[in-house]
Amino acid sequence: MRRSVLLEVLVYCPHVGRTVTATRNAAIDRLVSCSNAEHCRDRALQGAAPEADRPFPRGCAVYPSLAK
């Protein structure tokens, strides 16, 4: 199995109002991680949702499937 190339990119985050570092998976052409993810999660909902469904704010460019 071939490993995918991971690229470090800069993405503007509307939630913190500044540019953050993110990782893009070149094989699937999607953002897969964000340097600000731990601070950006909605802490009020985090305990209520299962670990696999951690909520992020609406419009999250990096985690759109987890954004509520």
N, C-alpha and C. Protein backbone atom coordinates (compact mmCIF):
# COMPACT_ATOMS: atom_id res chain seq x y z
N MET A 1 0.84 -1.18 0.00
CA MET A 1 0.00 0.00 0.00
C MET A 1 0.89 1.24 0.00
N ARG A 2 0.57 2.18 -0.88
CA ARG A 2 1.33 3.42 -0.96
C ARG A 2 0.84 4.43 0.05
N ARG A 3 1.75 5.11 0.67
CA ARG A 3 1.36 6.14 1.63
C ARG A 3 1.05 7.44 0.89
N SER A 4 0.13 8.17 1.44
CA SER A 4 -0.25 9.45 0.86
C SER A 4 0.70 10.54 1.31
N VAL A 5 0.88 11.52 0.46
CA VAL A 5 1.69 12.69 0.79
C VAL A 5 0.83 13.64 1.62
N LEU A 6 1.35 14.06 2.76
CA LEU A 6 0.67 15.04 3.60
C LEU A 6 1.36 16.38 3.45
N LEU A 7 0.60 17.39 3.08
CA LEU A 7 1.15 18.72 2.86
C LEU A 7 0.71 19.67 3.96
N GLU A 8 1.62 20.50 4.44
CA GLU A 8 1.28 21.55 5.40
C GLU A 8 0.79 22.75 4.62
N VAL A 9 -0.41 23.23 4.92
CA VAL A 9 -0.98 24.38 4.22
C VAL A 9 -1.49 25.39 5.24
N LEU A 10 -1.66 26.62 4.81
CA LEU A 10 -2.23 27.67 5.65
C LEU A 10 -3.68 27.87 5.22
N VAL A 11 -4.59 27.88 6.19
CA VAL A 11 -6.01 28.03 5.92
C VAL A 11 -6.55 29.13 6.82
N TYR A 12 -7.37 30.01 6.24
CA TYR A 12 -8.01 31.04 7.06
C TYR A 12 -9.15 30.39 7.84
N CYS A 13 -9.13 30.54 9.15
CA CYS A 13 -10.18 29.98 10.01
C CYS A 13 -11.14 31.10 10.41
N PRO A 14 -12.40 31.01 9.98
CA PRO A 14 -13.36 32.06 10.33
C PRO A 14 -13.72 32.08 11.81
N HIS A 15 -13.47 30.99 12.51
CA HIS A 15 -13.86 30.89 13.92
C HIS A 15 -12.90 31.62 14.85
N VAL A 16 -11.62 31.57 14.52
CA VAL A 16 -10.64 32.29 15.35
C VAL A 16 -10.20 33.58 14.68
N GLY A 17 -10.62 33.80 13.42
CA GLY A 17 -10.33 35.04 12.72
C GLY A 17 -8.89 35.22 12.30
N ARG A 18 -8.19 34.12 12.06
CA ARG A 18 -6.80 34.21 11.61
C ARG A 18 -6.42 32.96 10.82
N THR A 19 -5.24 32.98 10.26
CA THR A 19 -4.75 31.83 9.50
C THR A 19 -4.17 30.78 10.45
N VAL A 20 -4.50 29.51 10.20
CA VAL A 20 -3.98 28.40 11.00
C VAL A 20 -3.30 27.40 10.06
N THR A 21 -2.44 26.57 10.61
CA THR A 21 -1.77 25.53 9.85
C THR A 21 -2.67 24.30 9.80
N ALA A 22 -2.82 23.75 8.61
CA ALA A 22 -3.62 22.54 8.45
C ALA A 22 -2.83 21.54 7.62
N THR A 23 -3.27 20.30 7.63
CA THR A 23 -2.62 19.25 6.85
C THR A 23 -3.58 18.80 5.77
N ARG A 24 -3.08 18.73 4.53
CA ARG A 24 -3.88 18.27 3.40
C ARG A 24 -3.36 16.92 2.95
N ASN A 25 -4.26 15.95 2.81
CA ASN A 25 -3.93 14.63 2.30
C ASN A 25 -3.97 14.72 0.78
N ALA A 26 -2.83 14.55 0.12
CA ALA A 26 -2.75 14.72 -1.33
C ALA A 26 -3.51 13.64 -2.09
N ALA A 27 -3.64 12.44 -1.53
CA ALA A 27 -4.32 11.35 -2.23
C ALA A 27 -5.81 11.60 -2.36
N ILE A 28 -6.43 12.14 -1.31
CA ILE A 28 -7.87 12.39 -1.36
C ILE A 28 -8.20 13.87 -1.53
N ASP A 29 -7.17 14.71 -1.60
CA ASP A 29 -7.31 16.15 -1.78
C ASP A 29 -8.28 16.77 -0.78
N ARG A 30 -8.07 16.45 0.50
CA ARG A 30 -8.90 17.02 1.56
C ARG A 30 -8.04 17.43 2.74
N LEU A 31 -8.51 18.43 3.47
CA LEU A 31 -7.85 18.81 4.72
C LEU A 31 -8.18 17.75 5.76
N VAL A 32 -7.16 17.31 6.51
CA VAL A 32 -7.37 16.23 7.46
C VAL A 32 -7.04 16.59 8.90
N SER A 33 -6.38 17.70 9.13
CA SER A 33 -6.12 18.11 10.51
C SER A 33 -5.86 19.60 10.55
N CYS A 34 -5.96 20.16 11.76
CA CYS A 34 -5.80 21.61 11.94
C CYS A 34 -5.06 21.85 13.24
N SER A 35 -4.11 22.78 13.22
CA SER A 35 -3.31 23.06 14.41
C SER A 35 -4.13 23.70 15.53
N ASN A 36 -5.31 24.22 15.21
CA ASN A 36 -6.13 24.91 16.20
C ASN A 36 -7.35 24.09 16.63
N ALA A 37 -7.42 22.83 16.23
CA ALA A 37 -8.61 22.00 16.46
C ALA A 37 -8.99 21.87 17.93
N GLU A 38 -8.02 21.71 18.80
CA GLU A 38 -8.32 21.53 20.22
C GLU A 38 -8.99 22.77 20.82
N HIS A 39 -8.63 23.95 20.34
CA HIS A 39 -9.20 25.19 20.86
C HIS A 39 -10.52 25.55 20.20
N CYS A 40 -10.76 24.98 19.02
CA CYS A 40 -11.92 25.37 18.22
C CYS A 40 -13.16 24.54 18.54
N ARG A 41 -12.99 23.37 19.12
CA ARG A 41 -14.14 22.51 19.42
C ARG A 41 -15.11 23.18 20.36
N ASP A 42 -16.38 22.90 20.16
CA ASP A 42 -17.43 23.46 21.00
C ASP A 42 -17.45 22.68 22.32
N ARG A 43 -16.87 23.25 23.35
CA ARG A 43 -16.74 22.56 24.65
C ARG A 43 -18.08 22.24 25.28
N ALA A 44 -19.11 23.03 25.03
CA ALA A 44 -20.42 22.80 25.65
C ALA A 44 -21.04 21.50 25.14
N LEU A 45 -20.78 21.15 23.88
CA LEU A 45 -21.38 19.95 23.30
C LEU A 45 -20.47 18.74 23.35
N GLN A 46 -19.20 18.95 23.64
CA GLN A 46 -18.23 17.86 23.56
C GLN A 46 -18.57 16.70 24.49
N GLY A 47 -19.02 16.97 25.70
CA GLY A 47 -19.35 15.90 26.64
C GLY A 47 -20.63 15.17 26.29
N ALA A 48 -21.52 15.82 25.55
CA ALA A 48 -22.80 15.23 25.21
C ALA A 48 -22.73 14.30 24.00
N ALA A 49 -21.74 14.50 23.13
CA ALA A 49 -21.64 13.69 21.91
C ALA A 49 -20.64 12.56 22.08
N PRO A 50 -20.86 11.45 21.36
CA PRO A 50 -19.87 10.37 21.41
C PRO A 50 -18.51 10.83 20.87
N GLU A 51 -17.46 10.15 21.26
CA GLU A 51 -16.10 10.54 20.87
C GLU A 51 -15.93 10.61 19.35
N ALA A 52 -16.61 9.75 18.60
CA ALA A 52 -16.48 9.74 17.14
C ALA A 52 -17.19 10.91 16.48
N ASP A 53 -18.02 11.64 17.23
CA ASP A 53 -18.81 12.72 16.65
C ASP A 53 -18.56 14.02 17.40
N ARG A 54 -17.30 14.40 17.51
CA ARG A 54 -16.96 15.64 18.21
C ARG A 54 -17.41 16.84 17.42
N PRO A 55 -18.13 17.77 18.00
CA PRO A 55 -18.66 18.90 17.27
C PRO A 55 -17.63 20.02 17.04
N PHE A 56 -17.68 20.57 15.87
CA PHE A 56 -16.91 21.76 15.52
C PHE A 56 -17.91 22.82 15.06
N PRO A 57 -17.54 24.08 15.10
CA PRO A 57 -18.46 25.15 14.69
C PRO A 57 -18.89 25.01 13.23
N ARG A 58 -20.06 25.54 12.91
CA ARG A 58 -20.56 25.52 11.53
C ARG A 58 -19.55 26.17 10.59
N GLY A 59 -19.46 25.63 9.39
CA GLY A 59 -18.59 26.22 8.37
C GLY A 59 -17.12 25.88 8.53
N CYS A 60 -16.79 24.89 9.35
CA CYS A 60 -15.38 24.52 9.54
C CYS A 60 -14.82 23.96 8.23
N ALA A 61 -13.77 24.59 7.73
CA ALA A 61 -13.16 24.16 6.46
C ALA A 61 -12.41 22.84 6.57
N VAL A 62 -11.94 22.52 7.76
CA VAL A 62 -11.13 21.32 7.94
C VAL A 62 -11.98 20.11 8.29
N TYR A 63 -12.97 20.27 9.16
CA TYR A 63 -13.79 19.17 9.62
C TYR A 63 -15.28 19.39 9.27
N PRO A 64 -15.62 19.51 7.99
CA PRO A 64 -17.01 19.81 7.65
C PRO A 64 -17.98 18.72 8.08
N SER A 65 -17.56 17.45 8.07
CA SER A 65 -18.47 16.37 8.46
C SER A 65 -18.74 16.36 9.96
N LEU A 66 -17.87 16.99 10.75
CA LEU A 66 -18.07 17.04 12.20
C LEU A 66 -18.68 18.35 12.65
N ALA A 67 -18.74 19.32 11.74
CA ALA A 67 -19.31 20.63 12.08
C ALA A 67 -20.82 20.50 12.21
N LYS A 68 -21.36 21.11 13.24
CA LYS A 68 -22.81 21.01 13.47
C LYS A 68 -23.46 22.32 13.21
